[in-house]
């Protein structure tokens, strides 16, 4: 299923009664992403890093009498590579609207799977890497395991603009 395949009802949580702290369902996660992509904030370069429950006010959890009376909201973290910006949003799934939208400058997302696969492709294409593999007797590059897990980010000193990127064969 793709984002284009999702048809939203007025309320993606209609007919479902949740305890206020239940995790979001798959349908709710897809709805949160679709609501954002259909809004003025949706761009082709916007990537969803995490979509999780935005916990309701404590009173809604403690006095849980009416499941229909507690709106379901998603807390969404996104990264826009073109803008080089992290965004955080709260999406009201019951009303199908964005309650808040906040840019978070100077921060970086956790890794995205597409970034990891992109690293593997770039390493395989690099003539220096290929030469290094040949020196070690590897001529079928598809047999080489490239493990692009990030080492971590501990502050500005670790930013890629300030340090050499390390790739070990």
N, C-alpha and C. Protein backbone atom coordinates (compact mmCIF):
# COMPACT_ATOMS: atom_id res chain seq x y z
N UNK A 1 0.84 -1.18 0.00
CA UNK A 1 0.00 0.00 0.00
C UNK A 1 0.89 1.24 0.00
N UNK A 2 0.55 2.19 -0.81
CA UNK A 2 1.31 3.44 -0.86
C UNK A 2 0.45 4.56 -0.31
N UNK A 3 1.08 5.71 -0.09
CA UNK A 3 0.33 6.86 0.42
C UNK A 3 -0.78 7.25 -0.54
N UNK A 4 -0.56 7.05 -1.85
CA UNK A 4 -1.57 7.42 -2.84
C UNK A 4 -2.79 6.51 -2.75
N UNK A 5 -2.62 5.32 -2.20
CA UNK A 5 -3.73 4.37 -2.10
C UNK A 5 -4.65 4.65 -0.92
N UNK A 6 -4.24 5.52 -0.02
CA UNK A 6 -5.00 5.73 1.21
C UNK A 6 -6.15 6.69 0.95
N UNK A 7 -7.33 6.25 1.25
CA UNK A 7 -8.51 7.12 1.17
C UNK A 7 -8.94 7.39 2.60
N UNK A 8 -8.91 8.65 3.00
CA UNK A 8 -9.22 8.99 4.38
C UNK A 8 -10.70 9.27 4.56
N UNK A 9 -11.25 8.74 5.62
CA UNK A 9 -12.59 9.14 6.01
C UNK A 9 -12.44 10.43 6.80
N UNK A 10 -13.54 11.03 7.18
CA UNK A 10 -13.47 12.25 7.99
C UNK A 10 -12.76 11.96 9.30
N UNK A 11 -12.89 10.74 9.79
CA UNK A 11 -12.28 10.35 11.06
C UNK A 11 -11.68 8.95 10.92
N UNK A 12 -10.34 8.83 10.82
CA UNK A 12 -9.73 7.51 10.65
C UNK A 12 -9.88 6.61 11.87
N UNK A 13 -10.35 7.17 12.99
CA UNK A 13 -10.55 6.37 14.19
C UNK A 13 -12.02 6.05 14.42
N UNK A 14 -12.89 6.37 13.46
CA UNK A 14 -14.34 6.17 13.61
C UNK A 14 -14.64 4.71 13.93
N UNK A 15 -15.52 4.52 14.91
CA UNK A 15 -15.96 3.18 15.25
C UNK A 15 -14.99 2.39 16.10
N UNK A 16 -13.82 2.92 16.38
CA UNK A 16 -12.82 2.22 17.18
C UNK A 16 -12.71 2.93 18.52
N UNK A 17 -12.85 2.17 19.59
CA UNK A 17 -12.76 2.76 20.92
C UNK A 17 -11.41 2.39 21.52
N UNK A 18 -10.61 3.40 21.77
CA UNK A 18 -9.25 3.19 22.28
C UNK A 18 -9.16 3.64 23.73
N UNK A 19 -8.33 2.93 24.48
CA UNK A 19 -7.88 3.49 25.74
C UNK A 19 -6.94 4.62 25.35
N UNK A 20 -6.94 5.75 26.05
CA UNK A 20 -6.15 6.91 25.62
C UNK A 20 -4.66 6.66 25.40
N UNK A 21 -4.08 5.66 26.06
CA UNK A 21 -2.65 5.42 25.91
C UNK A 21 -2.32 4.24 24.99
N UNK A 22 -3.33 3.69 24.32
CA UNK A 22 -3.06 2.64 23.33
C UNK A 22 -2.16 3.19 22.24
N UNK A 23 -1.21 2.40 21.75
CA UNK A 23 -0.37 2.86 20.63
C UNK A 23 -1.23 3.10 19.40
N UNK A 24 -0.72 3.89 18.48
CA UNK A 24 -1.43 4.14 17.23
C UNK A 24 -1.51 2.85 16.42
N UNK A 25 -2.61 2.68 15.73
CA UNK A 25 -2.76 1.54 14.83
C UNK A 25 -2.05 1.86 13.52
N UNK A 26 -1.87 0.86 12.68
CA UNK A 26 -1.29 1.09 11.36
C UNK A 26 -2.10 2.08 10.56
N UNK A 27 -3.43 1.96 10.63
CA UNK A 27 -4.31 2.89 9.90
C UNK A 27 -4.13 4.32 10.41
N UNK A 28 -3.96 4.48 11.72
CA UNK A 28 -3.77 5.83 12.27
C UNK A 28 -2.42 6.41 11.85
N UNK A 29 -1.39 5.58 11.81
CA UNK A 29 -0.07 6.05 11.37
C UNK A 29 -0.14 6.50 9.92
N UNK A 30 -0.78 5.69 9.07
CA UNK A 30 -0.93 6.06 7.66
C UNK A 30 -1.76 7.33 7.51
N UNK A 31 -2.80 7.46 8.33
CA UNK A 31 -3.65 8.65 8.26
C UNK A 31 -2.87 9.91 8.65
N UNK A 32 -2.05 9.82 9.70
CA UNK A 32 -1.25 10.97 10.13
C UNK A 32 -0.33 11.44 9.00
N UNK A 33 0.34 10.49 8.36
CA UNK A 33 1.23 10.84 7.25
C UNK A 33 0.44 11.45 6.09
N UNK A 34 -0.71 10.87 5.77
CA UNK A 34 -1.52 11.36 4.66
C UNK A 34 -2.05 12.77 4.93
N UNK A 35 -2.44 13.03 6.16
CA UNK A 35 -2.94 14.37 6.52
C UNK A 35 -1.84 15.40 6.32
N UNK A 36 -0.62 15.08 6.74
CA UNK A 36 0.49 16.01 6.55
C UNK A 36 0.81 16.20 5.07
N UNK A 37 0.89 15.10 4.33
CA UNK A 37 1.24 15.20 2.91
C UNK A 37 0.18 15.95 2.11
N UNK A 38 -1.07 15.91 2.55
CA UNK A 38 -2.14 16.63 1.85
C UNK A 38 -2.22 18.10 2.27
N UNK A 39 -1.43 18.48 3.27
CA UNK A 39 -1.48 19.86 3.77
C UNK A 39 -0.46 20.74 3.05
N UNK A 40 -0.43 21.99 3.44
CA UNK A 40 0.54 22.94 2.88
C UNK A 40 1.99 22.56 3.24
N UNK A 41 2.17 21.70 4.26
CA UNK A 41 3.50 21.31 4.70
C UNK A 41 4.08 20.14 3.91
N UNK A 42 3.24 19.40 3.25
CA UNK A 42 3.69 18.22 2.51
C UNK A 42 4.53 18.60 1.30
N UNK A 43 5.71 18.01 1.19
CA UNK A 43 6.59 18.25 0.05
C UNK A 43 7.13 16.90 -0.44
N UNK A 44 7.60 16.84 -1.68
CA UNK A 44 8.17 15.58 -2.18
C UNK A 44 9.43 15.14 -1.43
N UNK A 45 10.11 16.06 -0.75
CA UNK A 45 11.35 15.72 -0.06
C UNK A 45 11.15 15.47 1.44
N UNK A 46 9.92 15.54 1.92
CA UNK A 46 9.62 15.33 3.33
C UNK A 46 9.59 13.83 3.64
N UNK A 47 10.37 13.42 4.62
CA UNK A 47 10.46 12.01 5.03
C UNK A 47 9.98 11.88 6.47
N UNK A 48 9.25 10.82 6.74
CA UNK A 48 8.74 10.57 8.09
C UNK A 48 9.75 9.74 8.86
N UNK A 49 10.25 10.31 9.95
CA UNK A 49 11.23 9.63 10.79
C UNK A 49 10.51 8.77 11.83
N UNK A 50 9.47 9.33 12.46
CA UNK A 50 8.74 8.60 13.49
C UNK A 50 7.33 9.17 13.60
N UNK A 51 6.37 8.27 13.76
CA UNK A 51 4.98 8.65 14.02
C UNK A 51 4.53 7.82 15.21
N UNK A 52 4.17 8.51 16.29
CA UNK A 52 3.79 7.80 17.51
C UNK A 52 2.64 8.53 18.19
N UNK A 53 2.10 7.92 19.20
CA UNK A 53 1.00 8.52 19.94
C UNK A 53 1.43 9.81 20.61
N UNK A 54 0.64 10.86 20.44
CA UNK A 54 0.81 12.07 21.24
C UNK A 54 -0.09 11.86 22.45
N UNK A 55 0.51 11.65 23.59
CA UNK A 55 -0.27 11.31 24.77
C UNK A 55 -1.23 12.43 25.13
N UNK A 56 -2.47 12.07 25.47
CA UNK A 56 -3.44 13.09 25.86
C UNK A 56 -3.11 13.64 27.25
N UNK A 57 -3.84 14.67 27.63
CA UNK A 57 -3.66 15.24 28.97
C UNK A 57 -3.87 14.13 30.01
N UNK A 58 -3.17 14.25 31.11
CA UNK A 58 -3.22 13.21 32.13
C UNK A 58 -4.65 12.96 32.62
N UNK A 59 -5.45 14.01 32.71
CA UNK A 59 -6.82 13.83 33.17
C UNK A 59 -7.61 12.92 32.25
N UNK A 60 -7.35 12.98 30.94
CA UNK A 60 -8.06 12.11 30.00
C UNK A 60 -7.71 10.65 30.24
N UNK A 61 -6.48 10.39 30.65
CA UNK A 61 -6.05 9.01 30.91
C UNK A 61 -6.61 8.51 32.24
N UNK A 62 -6.62 9.38 33.24
CA UNK A 62 -7.03 8.97 34.57
C UNK A 62 -8.55 8.86 34.71
N UNK A 63 -9.27 9.67 33.98
CA UNK A 63 -10.73 9.68 34.09
C UNK A 63 -11.36 9.11 32.83
N UNK A 64 -10.78 8.06 32.31
CA UNK A 64 -11.22 7.47 31.04
C UNK A 64 -12.59 6.84 31.21
N UNK A 65 -13.62 7.62 30.89
CA UNK A 65 -14.99 7.12 30.95
C UNK A 65 -15.57 6.95 29.56
N UNK A 66 -15.34 7.94 28.71
CA UNK A 66 -15.95 7.96 27.38
C UNK A 66 -14.87 7.86 26.32
N UNK A 67 -14.73 6.69 25.68
CA UNK A 67 -13.67 6.55 24.67
C UNK A 67 -13.82 7.53 23.51
N UNK A 68 -15.05 7.89 23.18
CA UNK A 68 -15.27 8.81 22.06
C UNK A 68 -14.90 10.24 22.43
N UNK A 69 -14.79 10.53 23.72
CA UNK A 69 -14.51 11.89 24.15
C UNK A 69 -13.04 12.26 24.16
N UNK A 70 -12.16 11.31 23.96
CA UNK A 70 -10.72 11.57 23.98
C UNK A 70 -10.19 11.54 22.56
N UNK A 71 -9.76 12.69 22.02
CA UNK A 71 -9.25 12.69 20.64
C UNK A 71 -7.95 11.89 20.54
N UNK A 72 -7.76 11.25 19.40
CA UNK A 72 -6.53 10.51 19.12
C UNK A 72 -5.61 11.44 18.35
N UNK A 73 -4.41 11.62 18.85
CA UNK A 73 -3.44 12.50 18.20
C UNK A 73 -2.12 11.76 17.98
N UNK A 74 -1.43 12.15 16.92
CA UNK A 74 -0.13 11.57 16.60
C UNK A 74 0.94 12.63 16.73
N UNK A 75 2.07 12.26 17.32
CA UNK A 75 3.25 13.12 17.35
C UNK A 75 4.15 12.64 16.22
N UNK A 76 4.48 13.54 15.30
CA UNK A 76 5.18 13.15 14.08
C UNK A 76 6.51 13.90 13.99
N UNK A 77 7.59 13.17 13.75
CA UNK A 77 8.90 13.75 13.50
C UNK A 77 9.24 13.50 12.04
N UNK A 78 9.63 14.58 11.33
CA UNK A 78 9.93 14.49 9.90
C UNK A 78 11.26 15.15 9.61
N UNK A 79 11.82 14.80 8.46
CA UNK A 79 13.05 15.43 7.99
C UNK A 79 12.85 15.80 6.53
N UNK A 80 13.17 17.05 6.21
CA UNK A 80 13.12 17.51 4.82
C UNK A 80 14.55 17.76 4.38
N UNK A 81 15.06 16.88 3.52
CA UNK A 81 16.45 16.96 3.07
C UNK A 81 16.70 18.23 2.28
N UNK A 82 15.73 18.69 1.50
CA UNK A 82 15.92 19.90 0.69
C UNK A 82 16.07 21.12 1.58
N UNK A 83 15.29 21.17 2.65
CA UNK A 83 15.36 22.31 3.58
C UNK A 83 16.41 22.08 4.66
N UNK A 84 16.93 20.84 4.76
CA UNK A 84 17.86 20.45 5.83
C UNK A 84 17.28 20.82 7.19
N UNK A 85 16.05 20.38 7.41
CA UNK A 85 15.33 20.77 8.62
C UNK A 85 14.51 19.60 9.16
N UNK A 86 14.52 19.50 10.48
CA UNK A 86 13.63 18.58 11.20
C UNK A 86 12.36 19.35 11.52
N UNK A 87 11.24 18.67 11.43
CA UNK A 87 9.95 19.26 11.81
C UNK A 87 9.26 18.32 12.78
N UNK A 88 8.53 18.90 13.72
CA UNK A 88 7.69 18.14 14.63
C UNK A 88 6.27 18.65 14.48
N UNK A 89 5.33 17.73 14.47
CA UNK A 89 3.92 18.12 14.34
C UNK A 89 3.07 17.25 15.25
N UNK A 90 1.93 17.81 15.63
CA UNK A 90 0.89 17.04 16.30
C UNK A 90 -0.30 17.03 15.36
N UNK A 91 -0.77 15.83 15.03
CA UNK A 91 -1.90 15.66 14.12
C UNK A 91 -3.08 15.10 14.90
N UNK A 92 -4.20 15.82 14.86
CA UNK A 92 -5.44 15.33 15.47
C UNK A 92 -6.08 14.38 14.47
N UNK A 93 -6.05 13.10 14.78
CA UNK A 93 -6.58 12.08 13.87
C UNK A 93 -8.10 12.08 13.85
N UNK A 94 -8.71 12.47 14.96
CA UNK A 94 -10.16 12.50 15.04
C UNK A 94 -10.72 13.59 14.14
N UNK A 95 -10.08 14.77 14.15
CA UNK A 95 -10.55 15.90 13.34
C UNK A 95 -9.84 16.00 11.99
N UNK A 96 -8.86 15.14 11.75
CA UNK A 96 -8.06 15.15 10.51
C UNK A 96 -7.43 16.51 10.24
N UNK A 97 -6.76 17.05 11.27
CA UNK A 97 -6.09 18.34 11.09
C UNK A 97 -4.78 18.39 11.85
N UNK A 98 -3.93 19.31 11.43
CA UNK A 98 -2.62 19.49 12.07
C UNK A 98 -2.80 20.52 13.18
N UNK A 99 -2.60 20.08 14.43
CA UNK A 99 -2.73 20.97 15.58
C UNK A 99 -1.53 21.89 15.73
N UNK A 100 -0.34 21.35 15.49
CA UNK A 100 0.86 22.17 15.62
C UNK A 100 1.91 21.71 14.62
N UNK A 101 2.77 22.65 14.23
CA UNK A 101 3.87 22.39 13.29
C UNK A 101 5.04 23.22 13.76
N UNK A 102 6.18 22.58 14.00
CA UNK A 102 7.33 23.31 14.54
C UNK A 102 8.61 22.87 13.85
N UNK A 103 9.34 23.82 13.23
CA UNK A 103 10.67 23.48 12.73
C UNK A 103 11.63 23.36 13.91
N UNK A 104 12.58 22.44 13.81
CA UNK A 104 13.57 22.23 14.87
C UNK A 104 14.95 22.38 14.24
N UNK A 105 15.46 23.62 14.15
CA UNK A 105 16.75 23.85 13.49
C UNK A 105 17.92 23.28 14.29
N UNK A 106 18.99 22.95 13.57
CA UNK A 106 20.22 22.49 14.22
C UNK A 106 20.19 21.06 14.71
N UNK A 107 19.18 20.31 14.35
CA UNK A 107 19.07 18.91 14.78
C UNK A 107 19.11 18.00 13.56
N UNK A 108 19.37 16.73 13.80
CA UNK A 108 19.45 15.76 12.72
C UNK A 108 18.55 14.58 13.06
N UNK A 109 17.98 13.94 12.05
CA UNK A 109 17.11 12.80 12.33
C UNK A 109 17.93 11.56 12.65
N UNK A 110 17.25 10.59 13.24
CA UNK A 110 17.89 9.28 13.31
C UNK A 110 18.02 8.79 11.88
N UNK A 111 18.78 7.75 11.67
CA UNK A 111 19.01 7.30 10.30
C UNK A 111 17.72 6.83 9.66
N UNK A 112 17.66 6.99 8.36
CA UNK A 112 16.54 6.49 7.57
C UNK A 112 17.06 5.33 6.73
N UNK A 113 16.26 4.32 6.53
CA UNK A 113 16.68 3.13 5.80
C UNK A 113 17.20 3.50 4.41
N UNK A 114 16.54 4.44 3.75
CA UNK A 114 16.98 4.82 2.40
C UNK A 114 18.38 5.44 2.41
N UNK A 115 18.76 6.08 3.50
CA UNK A 115 20.11 6.62 3.59
C UNK A 115 21.13 5.48 3.69
N UNK A 116 20.77 4.46 4.40
CA UNK A 116 21.69 3.33 4.55
C UNK A 116 21.88 2.60 3.23
N UNK A 117 20.80 2.39 2.49
CA UNK A 117 20.94 1.71 1.20
C UNK A 117 21.68 2.60 0.21
N UNK A 118 21.50 3.89 0.32
CA UNK A 118 22.22 4.81 -0.55
C UNK A 118 23.71 4.77 -0.30
N UNK A 119 24.12 4.63 0.96
CA UNK A 119 25.54 4.54 1.29
C UNK A 119 26.14 3.30 0.66
N UNK A 120 25.45 2.19 0.76
CA UNK A 120 25.97 0.94 0.19
C UNK A 120 26.19 1.07 -1.31
N UNK A 121 25.23 1.67 -2.01
CA UNK A 121 25.37 1.86 -3.46
C UNK A 121 26.56 2.76 -3.79
N UNK A 122 26.71 3.85 -3.05
CA UNK A 122 27.81 4.79 -3.31
C UNK A 122 29.16 4.14 -3.07
N UNK A 123 29.27 3.36 -2.01
CA UNK A 123 30.54 2.68 -1.72
C UNK A 123 30.87 1.71 -2.85
N UNK A 124 29.89 0.93 -3.28
CA UNK A 124 30.13 -0.04 -4.36
C UNK A 124 30.55 0.65 -5.66
N UNK A 125 30.08 1.85 -5.92
CA UNK A 125 30.41 2.58 -7.15
C UNK A 125 31.78 3.25 -7.08
N UNK A 126 32.33 3.43 -5.90
CA UNK A 126 33.57 4.19 -5.73
C UNK A 126 34.76 3.40 -6.28
N UNK A 127 35.49 3.97 -7.26
CA UNK A 127 36.63 3.26 -7.83
C UNK A 127 37.73 2.98 -6.80
N UNK A 128 37.88 3.85 -5.80
CA UNK A 128 38.90 3.62 -4.76
C UNK A 128 38.55 2.38 -3.94
N UNK A 129 37.28 2.22 -3.61
CA UNK A 129 36.84 1.04 -2.87
C UNK A 129 37.03 -0.21 -3.73
N UNK A 130 36.64 -0.12 -4.98
CA UNK A 130 36.79 -1.26 -5.89
C UNK A 130 38.25 -1.68 -6.00
N UNK A 131 39.15 -0.70 -6.11
CA UNK A 131 40.58 -1.01 -6.19
C UNK A 131 41.06 -1.68 -4.89
N UNK A 132 40.60 -1.16 -3.75
CA UNK A 132 40.95 -1.77 -2.47
C UNK A 132 40.47 -3.21 -2.37
N UNK A 133 39.30 -3.47 -2.89
CA UNK A 133 38.77 -4.84 -2.88
C UNK A 133 39.60 -5.75 -3.80
N UNK A 134 39.96 -5.24 -4.96
CA UNK A 134 40.79 -6.03 -5.89
C UNK A 134 42.13 -6.38 -5.26
N UNK A 135 42.74 -5.42 -4.53
CA UNK A 135 44.02 -5.68 -3.86
C UNK A 135 43.89 -6.80 -2.84
N UNK A 136 42.69 -6.98 -2.32
CA UNK A 136 42.44 -8.02 -1.33
C UNK A 136 41.91 -9.31 -1.97
N UNK A 137 41.89 -9.34 -3.29
CA UNK A 137 41.48 -10.54 -4.00
C UNK A 137 39.98 -10.67 -4.24
N UNK A 138 39.23 -9.62 -3.95
CA UNK A 138 37.78 -9.66 -4.16
C UNK A 138 37.47 -9.01 -5.50
N UNK A 139 36.96 -9.79 -6.43
CA UNK A 139 36.61 -9.25 -7.75
C UNK A 139 35.10 -9.25 -7.98
N UNK A 140 34.38 -10.07 -7.23
CA UNK A 140 32.92 -10.06 -7.31
C UNK A 140 32.42 -9.19 -6.16
N UNK A 141 32.16 -7.92 -6.45
CA UNK A 141 31.81 -6.95 -5.41
C UNK A 141 30.48 -7.27 -4.73
N UNK A 142 29.63 -8.05 -5.39
CA UNK A 142 28.35 -8.40 -4.77
C UNK A 142 28.54 -9.31 -3.55
N UNK A 143 29.73 -9.91 -3.42
CA UNK A 143 30.02 -10.77 -2.27
C UNK A 143 30.48 -9.97 -1.05
N UNK A 144 30.79 -8.70 -1.24
CA UNK A 144 31.27 -7.88 -0.12
C UNK A 144 30.09 -7.38 0.71
N UNK A 145 30.23 -7.46 2.01
CA UNK A 145 29.21 -6.97 2.93
C UNK A 145 29.56 -5.55 3.31
N UNK A 146 28.69 -4.63 3.00
CA UNK A 146 28.89 -3.22 3.37
C UNK A 146 27.87 -2.91 4.45
N UNK A 147 28.35 -2.55 5.62
CA UNK A 147 27.49 -2.33 6.77
C UNK A 147 27.50 -0.85 7.13
N UNK A 148 26.50 -0.08 6.69
CA UNK A 148 26.55 1.37 6.84
C UNK A 148 25.93 1.92 8.13
N UNK A 149 25.95 1.19 9.21
CA UNK A 149 25.35 1.70 10.44
C UNK A 149 26.09 2.94 10.94
N UNK A 150 25.35 3.94 11.38
CA UNK A 150 26.00 5.14 11.90
C UNK A 150 26.66 4.87 13.25
N UNK A 151 27.78 5.54 13.48
CA UNK A 151 28.51 5.35 14.73
C UNK A 151 27.87 6.15 15.87
N UNK A 152 27.19 7.21 15.55
CA UNK A 152 26.57 8.06 16.55
C UNK A 152 26.84 9.51 16.26
N UNK A 153 26.10 10.35 16.91
CA UNK A 153 26.27 11.79 16.75
C UNK A 153 26.22 12.38 18.15
N UNK A 154 27.32 12.97 18.55
CA UNK A 154 27.42 13.46 19.92
C UNK A 154 27.57 14.96 20.01
N UNK A 155 27.34 15.67 18.92
CA UNK A 155 27.43 17.12 18.94
C UNK A 155 28.10 17.65 17.69
N UNK A 156 28.30 18.97 17.67
CA UNK A 156 28.83 19.66 16.49
C UNK A 156 30.18 19.11 16.03
N UNK A 157 31.00 18.63 16.96
CA UNK A 157 32.32 18.11 16.57
C UNK A 157 32.19 16.87 15.70
N UNK A 158 31.05 16.19 15.75
CA UNK A 158 30.84 14.99 14.94
C UNK A 158 30.12 15.26 13.63
N UNK A 159 29.76 16.50 13.39
CA UNK A 159 29.03 16.82 12.15
C UNK A 159 29.92 16.52 10.96
N UNK A 160 29.32 16.02 9.88
CA UNK A 160 30.11 15.62 8.71
C UNK A 160 30.88 16.77 8.09
N UNK A 161 30.48 18.01 8.33
CA UNK A 161 31.24 19.15 7.82
C UNK A 161 32.55 19.35 8.60
N UNK A 162 32.61 18.81 9.81
CA UNK A 162 33.76 19.04 10.69
C UNK A 162 34.68 17.84 10.83
N UNK A 163 34.36 16.73 10.21
CA UNK A 163 35.20 15.56 10.41
C UNK A 163 35.23 14.70 9.15
N UNK A 164 36.23 13.86 9.10
CA UNK A 164 36.33 12.92 7.97
C UNK A 164 35.33 11.79 8.17
N UNK A 165 34.72 11.37 7.11
CA UNK A 165 33.84 10.21 7.18
C UNK A 165 34.71 8.97 7.05
N UNK A 166 34.43 7.98 7.84
CA UNK A 166 35.27 6.79 7.86
C UNK A 166 34.50 5.63 7.25
N UNK A 167 35.16 4.93 6.37
CA UNK A 167 34.59 3.73 5.77
C UNK A 167 35.67 2.67 5.79
N UNK A 168 35.43 1.59 6.52
CA UNK A 168 36.42 0.52 6.60
C UNK A 168 35.99 -0.65 5.74
N UNK A 169 36.92 -1.23 4.95
CA UNK A 169 36.56 -2.42 4.16
C UNK A 169 36.42 -3.63 5.07
